[in-house]
Amino acid sequence: MNPSEFIWMDGKLVKWEDAKVHVLTHSLHYANAVFEGTRAYMTDKGLAIFRLSDHTARLLKSAKMTILNVKYTQKELEDAQVELLRANKFKSNVYLRPIVYLGYGVMGLAHTKAPVNTAIAAWEWGAYLGEEGLKKGIRVKISSFAKLNVGGQMSRAKSSSNYLCSQMANYEAKEAGYDEALLLDSEGYISEGPGECFFIVEDGALVTPPNDSSLASITQDTVIKIAHDLDIEVRRERITRDRAYTADEAFFTGTAAEVTPISNIDNRVIGAGERGAVTKRLQDAYFDVVYGRNPKYASMLTYI
């Protein structure tokens, strides 16, 4: 990560090195915080945030689910992200990280009297799973860590507490020599990656699990919209691990992952062991959208 000049904290632009919190910040101890991952792309018309409104709306929905009373409106948060990017004068693609967290002031499990703070950081960032991975695909391991049952966590909240399992799964996969993990749900069906949604291609059709135990993904939604434009059949179905092993193609989607092909799952080569034809069509079309080259999706971009 390359530090930028400013971070937005509760209405003020603060120098990166001065954006600090107290060691007794409530969320640090009890994990109640929600965040977003949003990208801004350097288009021919300048830097543009992709689906800013949708990401900000999801942040506020996550806060509502976890009883974090944000003191800013959606418009104020959107304006703050634009202000931050302008102040930092970025020259290439950017990742934004808005976060709502419980600050310093009270201790103990009860959280309703803790102050609710909001911050937004941004930094220049390239391909999350590597430029090589975008072309040739990555190796994935199905994790021994399973997604918690929906009765035990709010899967639709992008909350910090939900990511401990993801963190452990990612660590396990990388220690075993893989690039990323894939998590099953409590019934043994594929749920999602640690921070990505999962797709397979079967006989030219696109299949992705329902969001029963996974985050309602904005990138997943974008790829589904693009697939419809390309006359690619899309089905929302549960996927077993053995079905994934025999898929013609597979790929991850996510704000950070974008559209990343999967070449291998648990040492089973997927398709030809490289980016497949359908994945490439969707990947190329996705980058056309986020870089402002498809006028149909122009409303998804907020130019700085």
C-alpha atoms as a PDB file:
ATOM      1  CA  MET A   1       0.000   0.000   0.000  1.00  0.00           C
ATOM      2  CA  ASN A   2       1.244   3.449  -0.927  1.00  0.00           C
ATOM      3  CA  PRO A   3       0.032   6.042   1.601  1.00  0.00           C
ATOM      4  CA  SER A   4      -1.858   9.001   0.203  1.00  0.00           C
ATOM      5  CA  GLU A   5      -1.801  12.512   1.657  1.00  0.00           C
ATOM      6  CA  PHE A   6      -5.204  12.709   3.357  1.00  0.00           C
ATOM      7  CA  ILE A   7      -7.805  10.543   5.097  1.00  0.00           C
ATOM      8  CA  TRP A   8     -11.321  11.853   5.756  1.00  0.00           C
ATOM      9  CA  MET A   9     -12.309  11.490   9.421  1.00  0.00           C
ATOM     10  CA  ASP A  10     -15.680  12.717  10.673  1.00  0.00           C
ATOM     11  CA  GLY A  11     -15.884  15.670   8.331  1.00  0.00           C
ATOM     12  CA  LYS A  12     -12.220  16.681   8.281  1.00  0.00           C
ATOM     13  CA  LEU A  13      -9.301  15.898   6.012  1.00  0.00           C
ATOM     14  CA  VAL A  14      -6.502  14.579   8.200  1.00  0.00           C
ATOM     15  CA  LYS A  15      -2.927  13.833   7.190  1.00  0.00           C
ATOM     16  CA  TRP A  16      -2.438  10.087   6.579  1.00  0.00           C
ATOM     17  CA  GLU A  17       0.077   9.764   9.434  1.00  0.00           C
ATOM     18  CA  ASP A  18      -2.228  11.613  11.853  1.00  0.00           C
ATOM     19  CA  ALA A  19      -5.342   9.456  11.234  1.00  0.00           C
ATOM     20  CA  LYS A  20      -5.238   7.653  14.579  1.00  0.00           C
ATOM     21  CA  VAL A  21      -7.657   6.115  17.096  1.00  0.00           C
ATOM     22  CA  HIS A  22      -7.376   5.279  20.790  1.00  0.00           C
ATOM     23  CA  VAL A  23      -6.321   1.782  21.891  1.00  0.00           C
ATOM     24  CA  LEU A  24      -9.668   1.469  23.696  1.00  0.00           C
ATOM     25  CA  THR A  25     -11.665   2.133  20.543  1.00  0.00           C
ATOM     26  CA  HIS A  26     -14.756  -0.046  21.060  1.00  0.00           C
ATOM     27  CA  SER A  27     -14.720  -1.716  17.639  1.00  0.00           C
ATOM     28  CA  LEU A  28     -11.122  -2.840  18.142  1.00  0.00           C
ATOM     29  CA  HIS A  29     -12.263  -4.963  21.097  1.00  0.00           C
ATOM     30  CA  TYR A  30     -15.759  -6.078  20.082  1.00  0.00           C
ATOM     31  CA  ALA A  31     -15.586  -6.096  16.254  1.00  0.00           C
ATOM     32  CA  ASN A  32     -18.708  -4.063  15.514  1.00  0.00           C
ATOM     33  CA  ALA A  33     -17.709  -2.010  12.488  1.00  0.00           C
ATOM     34  CA  VAL A  34     -18.903  -1.928   8.882  1.00  0.00           C
ATOM     35  CA  PHE A  35     -16.989  -0.913   5.813  1.00  0.00           C
ATOM     36  CA  GLU A  36     -16.992  -0.743   2.045  1.00  0.00           C
ATOM     37  CA  GLY A  37     -14.540  -1.454  -0.729  1.00  0.00           C
ATOM     38  CA  THR A  38     -14.993   0.871  -3.703  1.00  0.00           C
ATOM     39  CA  ARG A  39     -12.820   1.475  -6.737  1.00  0.00           C
ATOM     40  CA  ALA A  40     -12.127   4.571  -8.791  1.00  0.00           C
ATOM     41  CA  TYR A  41     -10.676   4.116 -12.272  1.00  0.00           C
ATOM     42  CA  MET A  42      -8.537   6.492 -14.309  1.00  0.00           C
ATOM     43  CA  THR A  43     -10.676   6.799 -17.443  1.00  0.00           C
ATOM     44  CA  ASP A  44     -10.080   8.866 -20.560  1.00  0.00           C
ATOM     45  CA  LYS A  45     -12.203  11.566 -18.905  1.00  0.00           C
ATOM     46  CA  GLY A  46     -10.352  11.443 -15.590  1.00  0.00           C
ATOM     47  CA  LEU A  47     -10.786   9.573 -12.322  1.00  0.00           C
ATOM     48  CA  ALA A  48     -14.274   8.099 -11.815  1.00  0.00           C
ATOM     49  CA  ILE A  49     -15.722   6.199  -8.844  1.00  0.00           C
ATOM     50  CA  PHE A  50     -17.561   3.049  -9.889  1.00  0.00           C
ATOM     51  CA  ARG A  51     -21.076   2.620  -8.462  1.00  0.00           C
ATOM     52  CA  LEU A  52     -20.484   5.151  -5.702  1.00  0.00           C
ATOM     53  CA  SER A  53     -24.175   5.412  -4.824  1.00  0.00           C
ATOM     54  CA  ASP A  54     -24.630   1.635  -4.554  1.00  0.00           C
ATOM     55  CA  HIS A  55     -21.572   1.145  -2.377  1.00  0.00           C
ATOM     56  CA  THR A  56     -22.540   4.008  -0.081  1.00  0.00           C
ATOM     57  CA  ALA A  57     -26.104   2.701   0.210  1.00  0.00           C
ATOM     58  CA  ARG A  58     -24.772  -0.741   1.151  1.00  0.00           C
ATOM     59  CA  LEU A  59     -22.548   0.832   3.816  1.00  0.00           C
ATOM     60  CA  LEU A  60     -25.580   2.485   5.408  1.00  0.00           C
ATOM     61  CA  LYS A  61     -27.614  -0.729   5.196  1.00  0.00           C
ATOM     62  CA  SER A  62     -24.792  -2.612   6.920  1.00  0.00           C
ATOM     63  CA  ALA A  63     -24.739   0.048   9.638  1.00  0.00           C
ATOM     64  CA  LYS A  64     -28.495  -0.269  10.139  1.00  0.00           C
ATOM     65  CA  MET A  65     -28.241  -4.056  10.494  1.00  0.00           C
ATOM     66  CA  THR A  66     -25.552  -3.739  13.167  1.00  0.00           C
ATOM     67  CA  ILE A  67     -27.170  -0.791  14.995  1.00  0.00           C
ATOM     68  CA  LEU A  68     -24.554   1.805  14.151  1.00  0.00           C
ATOM     69  CA  ASN A  69     -26.265   5.180  13.952  1.00  0.00           C
ATOM     70  CA  VAL A  70     -24.326   7.026  11.270  1.00  0.00           C
ATOM     71  CA  LYS A  71     -24.583  10.779  11.600  1.00  0.00           C
ATOM     72  CA  TYR A  72     -24.040  11.452   7.901  1.00  0.00           C
ATOM     73  CA  THR A  73     -26.512  11.183   5.033  1.00  0.00           C
ATOM     74  CA  GLN A  74     -25.784   9.173   1.928  1.00  0.00           C
ATOM     75  CA  LYS A  75     -25.164  12.361  -0.065  1.00  0.00           C
ATOM     76  CA  GLU A  76     -22.756  13.666   2.569  1.00  0.00           C
ATOM     77  CA  LEU A  77     -20.801  10.406   2.451  1.00  0.00           C
ATOM     78  CA  GLU A  78     -20.730  10.411  -1.338  1.00  0.00           C
ATOM     79  CA  ASP A  79     -19.548  14.036  -1.362  1.00  0.00           C
ATOM     80  CA  ALA A  80     -16.865  13.169   1.202  1.00  0.00           C
ATOM     81  CA  GLN A  81     -15.458  10.452  -1.069  1.00  0.00           C
ATOM     82  CA  VAL A  82     -15.322  12.840  -4.006  1.00  0.00           C
ATOM     83  CA  GLU A  83     -13.686  15.492  -1.800  1.00  0.00           C
ATOM     84  CA  LEU A  84     -11.064  13.002  -0.611  1.00  0.00           C
ATOM     85  CA  LEU A  85     -10.093  11.925  -4.119  1.00  0.00           C
ATOM     86  CA  ARG A  86      -9.800  15.526  -5.275  1.00  0.00           C
ATOM     87  CA  ALA A  87      -7.629  16.445  -2.285  1.00  0.00           C
ATOM     88  CA  ASN A  88      -5.239  13.547  -2.861  1.00  0.00           C
ATOM     89  CA  LYS A  89      -4.749  14.273  -6.590  1.00  0.00           C
ATOM     90  CA  PHE A  90      -4.327  10.647  -7.608  1.00  0.00           C
ATOM     91  CA  LYS A  91      -2.689   9.741 -10.913  1.00  0.00           C
ATOM     92  CA  SER A  92      -3.869   6.116 -11.313  1.00  0.00           C
ATOM     93  CA  ASN A  93      -6.570   3.679 -10.151  1.00  0.00           C
ATOM     94  CA  VAL A  94      -7.683   4.054  -6.539  1.00  0.00           C
ATOM     95  CA  TYR A  95      -9.248   1.886  -3.862  1.00  0.00           C
ATOM     96  CA  LEU A  96     -11.552   3.579  -1.330  1.00  0.00           C
ATOM     97  CA  ARG A  97     -12.239   2.226   2.152  1.00  0.00           C
ATOM     98  CA  PRO A  98     -15.109   3.950   4.016  1.00  0.00           C
ATOM     99  CA  ILE A  99     -15.577   2.568   7.528  1.00  0.00           C
ATOM    100  CA  VAL A 100     -18.105   3.183  10.294  1.00  0.00           C
ATOM    101  CA  TYR A 101     -16.849   2.140  13.722  1.00  0.00           C
ATOM    102  CA  LEU A 102     -17.491   2.536  17.429  1.00  0.00           C
ATOM    103  CA  GLY A 103     -14.930   4.888  18.909  1.00  0.00           C
ATOM    104  CA  TYR A 104     -13.386   5.571  22.291  1.00  0.00           C
ATOM    105  CA  GLY A 105     -15.567   6.478  25.244  1.00  0.00           C
ATOM    106  CA  VAL A 106     -17.035   3.377  26.875  1.00  0.00           C
ATOM    107  CA  MET A 107     -15.894  -0.176  27.480  1.00  0.00           C
ATOM    108  CA  GLY A 108     -17.862  -3.371  27.945  1.00  0.00           C
ATOM    109  CA  LEU A 109     -19.901  -5.405  25.508  1.00  0.00           C
ATOM    110  CA  ALA A 110     -22.865  -2.997  25.294  1.00  0.00           C
ATOM    111  CA  HIS A 111     -22.249  -0.657  22.395  1.00  0.00           C
ATOM    112  CA  THR A 112     -25.115   1.812  22.149  1.00  0.00           C
ATOM    113  CA  LYS A 113     -23.406   4.498  24.237  1.00  0.00           C
ATOM    114  CA  ALA A 114     -20.138   4.344  22.312  1.00  0.00           C
ATOM    115  CA  PRO A 115     -19.545   7.163  19.827  1.00  0.00           C
ATOM    116  CA  VAL A 116     -20.094   6.265  16.182  1.00  0.00           C
ATOM    117  CA  ASN A 117     -17.215   7.465  14.010  1.00  0.00           C
ATOM    118  CA  THR A 118     -16.812   7.469  10.244  1.00  0.00           C
ATOM    119  CA  ALA A 119     -13.622   7.556   8.217  1.00  0.00           C
ATOM    120  CA  ILE A 120     -12.711   7.202   4.542  1.00  0.00           C
ATOM    121  CA  ALA A 121      -9.260   6.240   3.301  1.00  0.00           C
ATOM    122  CA  ALA A 122      -8.097   6.000  -0.304  1.00  0.00           C
ATOM    123  CA  TRP A 123      -4.894   4.850  -1.944  1.00  0.00           C
ATOM    124  CA  GLU A 124      -3.587   3.886  -5.363  1.00  0.00           C
ATOM    125  CA  TRP A 125      -3.937   0.140  -5.871  1.00  0.00           C
ATOM    126  CA  GLY A 126      -3.625  -2.249  -8.782  1.00  0.00           C
ATOM    127  CA  ALA A 127      -4.970  -5.767  -9.309  1.00  0.00           C
ATOM    128  CA  TYR A 128      -5.761  -7.408  -5.939  1.00  0.00           C
ATOM    129  CA  LEU A 129      -4.875 -10.946  -7.087  1.00  0.00           C
ATOM    130  CA  GLY A 130      -2.130  -9.815  -9.438  1.00  0.00           C
ATOM    131  CA  GLU A 131      -1.974  -8.784 -13.091  1.00  0.00           C
ATOM    132  CA  GLU A 132      -0.803 -12.291 -13.977  1.00  0.00           C
ATOM    133  CA  GLY A 133      -3.846 -13.744 -12.227  1.00  0.00           C
ATOM    134  CA  LEU A 134      -6.190 -11.609 -14.360  1.00  0.00           C
ATOM    135  CA  LYS A 135      -4.751 -13.248 -17.480  1.00  0.00           C
ATOM    136  CA  LYS A 136      -3.766 -16.794 -16.557  1.00  0.00           C
ATOM    137  CA  GLY A 137      -5.992 -17.491 -13.552  1.00  0.00           C
ATOM    138  CA  ILE A 138      -5.307 -18.378  -9.942  1.00  0.00           C
ATOM    139  CA  ARG A 139      -5.162 -21.558  -7.874  1.00  0.00           C
ATOM    140  CA  VAL A 140      -7.884 -21.919  -5.248  1.00  0.00           C
ATOM    141  CA  LYS A 141      -8.296 -24.200  -2.236  1.00  0.00           C
ATOM    142  CA  ILE A 142     -11.621 -25.110  -0.658  1.00  0.00           C
ATOM    143  CA  SER A 143     -11.144 -24.135   2.954  1.00  0.00           C
ATOM    144  CA  SER A 144     -11.621 -26.137   6.123  1.00  0.00           C
ATOM    145  CA  PHE A 145     -13.266 -22.969   7.471  1.00  0.00           C
ATOM    146  CA  ALA A 146     -16.978 -22.754   6.641  1.00  0.00           C
ATOM    147  CA  LYS A 147     -19.214 -19.725   6.505  1.00  0.00           C
ATOM    148  CA  LEU A 148     -21.279 -19.370   9.648  1.00  0.00           C
ATOM    149  CA  ASN A 149     -24.942 -20.267   9.467  1.00  0.00           C
ATOM    150  CA  VAL A 150     -27.130 -17.230   8.698  1.00  0.00           C
ATOM    151  CA  GLY A 151     -28.605 -17.645  12.156  1.00  0.00           C
ATOM    152  CA  GLY A 152     -25.168 -16.877  13.603  1.00  0.00           C
ATOM    153  CA  GLN A 153     -24.117 -13.889  11.528  1.00  0.00           C
ATOM    154  CA  MET A 154     -25.619 -11.199   9.326  1.00  0.00           C
ATOM    155  CA  SER A 155     -24.131 -12.236   6.012  1.00  0.00           C
ATOM    156  CA  ARG A 156     -25.596  -9.251   4.155  1.00  0.00           C
ATOM    157  CA  ALA A 157     -23.749  -6.815   6.408  1.00  0.00           C
ATOM    158  CA  LYS A 158     -20.243  -5.987   5.259  1.00  0.00           C
ATOM    159  CA  SER A 159     -19.107  -6.066   8.852  1.00  0.00           C
ATOM    160  CA  SER A 160     -15.629  -6.497  10.260  1.00  0.00           C
ATOM    161  CA  SER A 161     -16.720  -9.414  12.438  1.00  0.00           C
ATOM    162  CA  ASN A 162     -17.696 -11.469   9.373  1.00  0.00           C
ATOM    163  CA  TYR A 163     -14.149 -11.319   8.009  1.00  0.00           C
ATOM    164  CA  LEU A 164     -12.300 -13.318  10.668  1.00  0.00           C
ATOM    165  CA  CYS A 165     -13.381 -16.534   8.954  1.00  0.00           C
ATOM    166  CA  SER A 166     -12.321 -15.075   5.600  1.00  0.00           C
ATOM    167  CA  GLN A 167      -8.946 -14.076   7.020  1.00  0.00           C
ATOM    168  CA  MET A 168      -8.298 -17.566   8.389  1.00  0.00           C
ATOM    169  CA  ALA A 169      -9.385 -19.210   5.124  1.00  0.00           C
ATOM    170  CA  ASN A 170      -7.104 -16.946   3.093  1.00  0.00           C
ATOM    171  CA  TYR A 171      -4.175 -17.691   5.416  1.00  0.00           C
ATOM    172  CA  GLU A 172      -4.794 -21.436   5.232  1.00  0.00           C
ATOM    173  CA  ALA A 173      -4.921 -21.394   1.429  1.00  0.00           C
ATOM    174  CA  LYS A 174      -1.747 -19.350   1.012  1.00  0.00           C
ATOM    175  CA  GLU A 175       0.165 -21.455   3.525  1.00  0.00           C
ATOM    176  CA  ALA A 176      -0.819 -24.502   1.463  1.00  0.00           C
ATOM    177  CA  GLY A 177       0.606 -22.920  -1.695  1.00  0.00           C
ATOM    178  CA  TYR A 178      -2.621 -21.615  -3.251  1.00  0.00           C
ATOM    179  CA  ASP A 179      -3.526 -18.063  -4.228  1.00  0.00           C
ATOM    180  CA  GLU A 180      -6.955 -17.843  -2.582  1.00  0.00           C
ATOM    181  CA  ALA A 181      -9.591 -19.819  -0.685  1.00  0.00           C
ATOM    182  CA  LEU A 182     -13.163 -20.854  -1.400  1.00  0.00           C
ATOM    183  CA  LEU A 183     -15.591 -21.288   1.487  1.00  0.00           C
ATOM    184  CA  LEU A 184     -18.525 -23.662   1.796  1.00  0.00           C
ATOM    185  CA  ASP A 185     -21.707 -22.790   3.686  1.00  0.00           C
ATOM    186  CA  SER A 186     -23.009 -24.705   6.690  1.00  0.00           C
ATOM    187  CA  GLU A 187     -24.736 -27.205   4.389  1.00  0.00           C
ATOM    188  CA  GLY A 188     -21.664 -27.923   2.306  1.00  0.00           C
ATOM    189  CA  TYR A 189     -22.498 -25.824  -0.771  1.00  0.00           C
ATOM    190  CA  ILE A 190     -20.074 -23.240  -2.137  1.00  0.00           C
ATOM    191  CA  SER A 191     -20.724 -19.830  -0.619  1.00  0.00           C
ATOM    192  CA  GLU A 192     -18.016 -17.391  -1.734  1.00  0.00           C
ATOM    193  CA  GLY A 193     -14.330 -16.575  -1.533  1.00  0.00           C
ATOM    194  CA  PRO A 194     -12.860 -14.691   1.440  1.00  0.00           C
ATOM    195  CA  GLY A 195     -13.712 -11.433  -0.308  1.00  0.00           C
ATOM    196  CA  GLU A 196     -15.104 -12.497  -3.675  1.00  0.00           C
ATOM    197  CA  CYS A 197     -18.176 -14.009  -5.302  1.00  0.00           C
ATOM    198  CA  PHE A 198     -17.853 -17.255  -7.246  1.00  0.00           C
ATOM    199  CA  PHE A 199     -19.008 -18.091 -10.775  1.00  0.00           C
ATOM    200  CA  ILE A 200     -18.726 -21.175 -12.946  1.00  0.00           C
ATOM    201  CA  VAL A 201     -19.425 -21.662 -16.650  1.00  0.00           C
ATOM    202  CA  GLU A 202     -21.275 -24.803 -17.795  1.00  0.00           C
ATOM    203  CA  ASP A 203     -22.085 -25.375 -21.468  1.00  0.00           C
ATOM    204  CA  GLY A 204     -21.872 -21.643 -22.112  1.00  0.00           C
ATOM    205  CA  ALA A 205     -24.181 -20.680 -19.230  1.00  0.00           C
ATOM    206  CA  LEU A 206     -23.117 -18.697 -16.191  1.00  0.00           C
ATOM    207  CA  VAL A 207     -23.954 -20.105 -12.739  1.00  0.00           C
ATOM    208  CA  THR A 208     -23.450 -18.310  -9.415  1.00  0.00           C
ATOM    209  CA  PRO A 209     -24.804 -19.155  -5.946  1.00  0.00           C
ATOM    210  CA  PRO A 210     -27.644 -17.171  -4.393  1.00  0.00           C
ATOM    211  CA  ASN A 211     -26.595 -14.733  -1.677  1.00  0.00           C
ATOM    212  CA  ASP A 212     -28.081 -16.802   1.136  1.00  0.00           C
ATOM    213  CA  SER A 213     -24.806 -16.944   3.082  1.00  0.00           C
ATOM    214  CA  SER A 214     -22.778 -14.353   1.215  1.00  0.00           C
ATOM    215  CA  LEU A 215     -22.644 -10.604   0.793  1.00  0.00           C
ATOM    216  CA  ALA A 216     -24.985  -9.148  -1.818  1.00  0.00           C
ATOM    217  CA  SER A 217     -22.183  -8.235  -4.191  1.00  0.00           C
ATOM    218  CA  ILE A 218     -22.220  -5.117  -6.351  1.00  0.00           C
ATOM    219  CA  THR A 219     -19.590  -6.533  -8.715  1.00  0.00           C
ATOM    220  CA  GLN A 220     -21.533  -9.792  -8.993  1.00  0.00           C
ATOM    221  CA  ASP A 221     -24.598  -7.752  -9.919  1.00  0.00           C
ATOM    222  CA  THR A 222     -22.597  -5.834 -12.532  1.00  0.00           C
ATOM    223  CA  VAL A 223     -21.275  -9.024 -14.140  1.00  0.00           C
ATOM    224  CA  ILE A 224     -24.785 -10.497 -14.274  1.00  0.00           C
ATOM    225  CA  LYS A 225     -26.043  -7.341 -16.023  1.00  0.00           C
ATOM    226  CA  ILE A 226     -23.176  -7.528 -18.514  1.00  0.00           C
ATOM    227  CA  ALA A 227     -23.850 -11.224 -19.144  1.00  0.00           C
ATOM    228  CA  HIS A 228     -27.450 -10.444 -20.060  1.00  0.00           C
ATOM    229  CA  ASP A 229     -26.192  -7.811 -22.513  1.00  0.00           C
ATOM    230  CA  LEU A 230     -23.945 -10.448 -24.098  1.00  0.00           C
ATOM    231  CA  ASP A 231     -26.828 -12.963 -24.340  1.00  0.00           C
ATOM    232  CA  ILE A 232     -25.129 -15.274 -21.850  1.00  0.00           C
ATOM    233  CA  GLU A 233     -27.590 -17.334 -19.828  1.00  0.00           C
ATOM    234  CA  VAL A 234     -27.333 -16.678 -16.070  1.00  0.00           C
ATOM    235  CA  ARG A 235     -28.619 -19.025 -13.371  1.00  0.00           C
ATOM    236  CA  ARG A 236     -28.579 -18.561  -9.587  1.00  0.00           C
ATOM    237  CA  GLU A 237     -28.089 -22.080  -8.240  1.00  0.00           C
ATOM    238  CA  ARG A 238     -26.360 -23.829  -5.389  1.00  0.00           C
ATOM    239  CA  ILE A 239     -23.012 -25.287  -6.440  1.00  0.00           C
ATOM    240  CA  THR A 240     -21.372 -28.339  -4.869  1.00  0.00           C
ATOM    241  CA  ARG A 241     -17.618 -28.724  -4.775  1.00  0.00           C
ATOM    242  CA  ASP A 242     -17.673 -31.659  -7.208  1.00  0.00           C
ATOM    243  CA  ARG A 243     -19.678 -29.582  -9.666  1.00  0.00           C
ATOM    244  CA  ALA A 244     -17.070 -26.829  -9.390  1.00  0.00           C
ATOM    245  CA  TYR A 245     -14.286 -29.322 -10.102  1.00  0.00           C
ATOM    246  CA  THR A 246     -15.850 -30.244 -13.446  1.00  0.00           C
ATOM    247  CA  ALA A 247     -16.869 -26.757 -14.570  1.00  0.00           C
ATOM    248  CA  ASP A 248     -15.786 -25.560 -18.005  1.00  0.00           C
ATOM    249  CA  GLU A 249     -14.579 -22.286 -16.471  1.00  0.00           C
ATOM    250  CA  ALA A 250     -14.606 -20.571 -13.093  1.00  0.00           C
ATOM    251  CA  PHE A 251     -13.840 -17.076 -11.861  1.00  0.00           C
ATOM    252  CA  PHE A 252     -14.065 -14.729  -8.892  1.00  0.00           C
ATOM    253  CA  THR A 253     -15.652 -11.274  -8.883  1.00  0.00           C
ATOM    254  CA  GLY A 254     -15.345  -8.456  -6.377  1.00  0.00           C
ATOM    255  CA  THR A 255     -14.427  -4.800  -6.086  1.00  0.00           C
ATOM    256  CA  ALA A 256     -10.835  -5.756  -5.313  1.00  0.00           C
ATOM    257  CA  ALA A 257     -10.710  -8.958  -7.406  1.00  0.00           C
ATOM    258  CA  GLU A 258     -12.599  -7.426 -10.367  1.00  0.00           C
ATOM    259  CA  VAL A 259     -12.997 -10.466 -12.694  1.00  0.00           C
ATOM    260  CA  THR A 260     -10.253 -12.984 -11.878  1.00  0.00           C
ATOM    261  CA  PRO A 261     -10.163 -16.383 -13.625  1.00  0.00           C
ATOM    262  CA  ILE A 262      -9.709 -19.563 -11.590  1.00  0.00           C
ATOM    263  CA  SER A 263      -7.473 -22.135 -13.259  1.00  0.00           C
ATOM    264  CA  ASN A 264      -7.349 -24.773 -10.525  1.00  0.00           C
ATOM    265  CA  ILE A 265      -9.470 -25.818  -7.531  1.00  0.00           C
ATOM    266  CA  ASP A 266      -7.998 -28.318  -5.049  1.00  0.00           C
ATOM    267  CA  ASN A 267      -5.464 -29.443  -7.667  1.00  0.00           C
ATOM    268  CA  ARG A 268      -8.216 -30.107 -10.221  1.00  0.00           C
ATOM    269  CA  VAL A 269      -7.511 -28.210 -13.422  1.00  0.00           C
ATOM    270  CA  ILE A 270     -10.547 -26.161 -14.441  1.00  0.00           C
ATOM    271  CA  GLY A 271     -11.253 -26.320 -18.159  1.00  0.00           C
ATOM    272  CA  ALA A 272      -8.039 -25.743 -20.075  1.00  0.00           C
ATOM    273  CA  GLY A 273      -6.254 -24.486 -16.961  1.00  0.00           C
ATOM    274  CA  GLU A 274      -6.312 -20.857 -18.057  1.00  0.00           C
ATOM    275  CA  ARG A 275      -8.741 -18.000 -18.647  1.00  0.00           C
ATOM    276  CA  GLY A 276     -11.675 -19.347 -20.640  1.00  0.00           C
ATOM    277  CA  ALA A 277     -13.489 -17.716 -23.553  1.00  0.00           C
ATOM    278  CA  VAL A 278     -16.625 -16.747 -21.593  1.00  0.00           C
ATOM    279  CA  THR A 279     -14.572 -15.388 -18.699  1.00  0.00           C
ATOM    280  CA  LYS A 280     -12.497 -13.286 -21.106  1.00  0.00           C
ATOM    281  CA  ARG A 281     -15.644 -11.859 -22.767  1.00  0.00           C
ATOM    282  CA  LEU A 282     -17.042 -10.863 -19.384  1.00  0.00           C
ATOM    283  CA  GLN A 283     -13.706  -9.555 -18.149  1.00  0.00           C
ATOM    284  CA  ASP A 284     -13.181  -7.403 -21.245  1.00  0.00           C
ATOM    285  CA  ALA A 285     -16.745  -6.095 -21.050  1.00  0.00           C
ATOM    286  CA  TYR A 286     -16.370  -5.364 -17.324  1.00  0.00           C
ATOM    287  CA  PHE A 287     -13.255  -3.270 -17.887  1.00  0.00           C
ATOM    288  CA  ASP A 288     -15.029  -1.430 -20.703  1.00  0.00           C
ATOM    289  CA  VAL A 289     -17.743  -0.509 -18.187  1.00  0.00           C
ATOM    290  CA  VAL A 290     -15.492   0.643 -15.335  1.00  0.00           C
ATOM    291  CA  TYR A 291     -13.204   2.594 -17.669  1.00  0.00           C
ATOM    292  CA  GLY A 292     -16.163   4.456 -19.182  1.00  0.00           C
ATOM    293  CA  ARG A 293     -15.979   2.830 -22.611  1.00  0.00           C
ATOM    294  CA  ASN A 294     -19.574   1.544 -22.592  1.00  0.00           C
ATOM    295  CA  PRO A 295     -22.078   4.428 -22.725  1.00  0.00           C
ATOM    296  CA  LYS A 296     -24.933   2.196 -21.543  1.00  0.00           C
ATOM    297  CA  TYR A 297     -23.324   2.085 -18.098  1.00  0.00           C
ATOM    298  CA  ALA A 298     -22.245   5.729 -17.920  1.00  0.00           C
ATOM    299  CA  SER A 299     -24.566   6.374 -14.966  1.00  0.00           C
ATOM    300  CA  MET A 300     -22.508   3.957 -12.843  1.00  0.00           C
ATOM    301  CA  LEU A 301     -19.511   6.317 -12.924  1.00  0.00           C
ATOM    302  CA  THR A 302     -19.062   9.422 -10.781  1.00  0.00           C
ATOM    303  CA  TYR A 303     -16.331  11.593 -12.285  1.00  0.00           C
ATOM    304  CA  ILE A 304     -14.081  13.544  -9.964  1.00  0.00           C
END
